[in-house]
Every structure is written in structure tokens, then in C-alpha cells.
Amino acid sequence: MEYVLFIAAFNALFSVVLILQKQKALHDKILILWLLYLGLYIGAYAFLPDAFFTDYPVLSTAFISLLMLHGPFLYLYIRSLANVDFKINKREFYHFFPYVLFNLFLLAASFSPELSKGIRLDHVTQQHDTSLLFDLFLILTALSGPVYFLLSIRLFKKLDANILNNFSTSEPIDLDWLRKLVLSFGAIWTILIIFATIHHIFHLFSWDFCTNGLFLSLSFFVILIGYFGIKQREIFIQSPDRKLEYVTEPKTKYSGVVLGDTEAEEYLSRLKDFMDVQKPYLNASLSLPDLADKLHIPPYLLSRIVNERLNVNFFDFINQYRVAHVKTLLHDPKYNHLSLLGIALESGFNTKSAFNRVFKKITGQTPSDFKKAL
């Protein structure tokens, strides 16, 4: 097991070195701090003596309290990717407040024999009466992981809405790798926390089983987060010469903005003419701010026209044109030499998987079935 922990710790620190070589966005800076914490934490656990949790109860509790940092780092990392205007401010530090309070309590307990005698994580010796405050902090530590996993899943829903409102392709910006990692690791983490809670209350299972399980799962997590995190690019990229205005989920409600029918129809006519003549959908990386800039229409207004007048989001609106273009090329003998993938790339799709998924969603048929029916 020690070898797995050492490999994970080395991987985390080596990933930090690699991320430092690239141009760092905010999510990269959060990832650097997160990986540093995980690498040093896992590495320290690998060096701990077997008697650490029995001989140093207060110090070992302080060590376990570091688990409270993992959830906030995960949450802030996803927020930095999912939110257009996310910035670190004083409010974000409140996520680390329970950890600080827990360790202030442990610091006070180290100077108080009455408090310190009730602090114990394992149960290999006679159980002492634990303080209510100590049990409360242990509950907060146990709940920290599951709570932040649930908060992170909520962020993914917000990210999905923002992607559909602003981009014509969801690959490779949908964070599917991180979503699967959070769901799988969240389930494992929660199960292990339940075992640890049962151990603390009913004295079942061994403490080594609980801690070894947590740190082994953390090891696999850090290897995966380091590998994929290095490649993760910023989603809502800003241009150096102008600030791109993305339409985020709350803005799609357009509360308080008046748009007359005549004005709306005029904008819609301009949009359809531009799509038919200029064919901007052939650009695989087309985004809402890009199209709004070409039409000289504010992005929030363009998004409203698409949502309210056409009853679709920006993603489906653009891909309907791409699918129609694919059908046109499939009927044209000049393109018989191209494969389905070649025609998809000619029509603005950037991957085979995205093409197959979108085509079936819009037409109800797979591209190959549609071609056979011609």
C-alpha cells in the first residue's frame, strides 16, 4: 500500500511542476494548491508510524481534520471552471472556517488534560467520555466530503446550462471526466465515512481499515485529477483585446428587459438571413459571443431571440443548421467520396461522437441509418 501512496504523492507534486509551465488561469492556480495539499498529505500518511493514532490522539485528530480541506478545494475548482466571472474573495475563505475552528479547539485541548483525555479516534483502549464539541467537529469532518460532493454536482447542472446557452459544441468543455470522477469518488468516500462513523460510535471495524481506505481512494483520485487537470483548458475564455460577454443561467430569464414583437422579429430575420448566407455554423468553435459580435447584437439579446422566438438554446439552434447541412451534402453526388465523418467535419462538427449524438437527437436516426435510407 505504501507504494501506491508514494506514487500518488509524487504524481501530485510532479503535476504541480507541469501546471506551472503553462499559462495559468484561475482554475490552474486552485489546482496547484489542491495538488500540493493532497501530495503532501498523502505522502505524510505513508510515513506515519503504526502507533501514530494510538500514541498521539490529539495530533492524529489534527491530521485527520485535514480531510476537511478536500471538499472546499474540489468545490472551488469546479466553480472556477463553471462560473464566467468567478473570483476568489473573502467569502470563499469561509469554506475553510470549520477546519480552522476544529484545530483551534484541538490547540486548546492540548493544554487542557480534561479536554484532551476525551479526544481519541481509535478504540483500542478503554473508551473515555468524549466532549460534545469534539463529537460535533468529527461529524463536520465526516459530512464535509459528501456535502461538497453534492454541491459540486449542483455546479455541474449550472455548467451544463451555461454551455448550452453559449457554445455550439460541448466537447471538450463539458467536464465529463470530472463529473464521473466526482460521482464515483463521492460514493466511495461516503461509504468509507459511514464505516468510520460506525467505528467511532459502535467500535466496529478497525481504524486502520477506515484510514487506509480513505487514503487509498484519495491516491487514485489525485492521480486522475492530476492527469486530466493538466489538460483542462479554460471554458469561458476571454479575448485579450475585448471582453466577451457570456450569457449565464440567471441572465436567461431576462427579467425587467422589454423586447417588442416588431423589434424581435427584425432581429430574428437578421439572424436567419445571416445563418443562410454566411453559414457561421461551419465554424466548429462558434460561440454565442462570436455570433453576436458578427451580427452587432448584444449577446443577451441574441440569446433571448433564440430562446423565446425559436424555443431552443444556442447549442441546439446551431446544430440544427449543421445537421441540415449534413443532409444536403449527403444528397449531393459531389460529396460521395467523403465518409460520414468527413461530411460531419465539413458541416461544423468537430468529433465523431458529438456528430452521432446530435444527429440522432435531432433526426431520431443515426447518421449511418439515415444514409442507408437515401
Foldseek 3Di string as FASTA:
>chain_A
DLVLLLVLLVLLQVLLVLLVVDDDDPLSVLSNVLSPLLSVLSNVVSPDDPCCQPPPQLVVVLSLLSLLVNLLSLLVSLCSQQPQPDDDDPVSCVSCVLNVVLVVLSVVQVVPVVQVVQRHQACPDPHDPHDPVNVVSLVCSLVSLLVSLVSSVVSLVQSVQLCLQWWQDCPPRSPPVVNVLSVVLSVQSNVLSVVSVCCRPVVDDGPCVSVVSVSSSSSVSSNSCSVVVSVDDHDNDADPVDGQDGQGDVLLVVPPDDDDPVNLVVLVVLLVVCCVPVVPLLALGDILSNSCVVSVHRSSSVQNSCCPVVVGHPNLVSVVQLLVQLVVLLPDPVNPVPDSVRSSNSSRHDDPVRQQVSNCVVPVDGPVVVSVVD
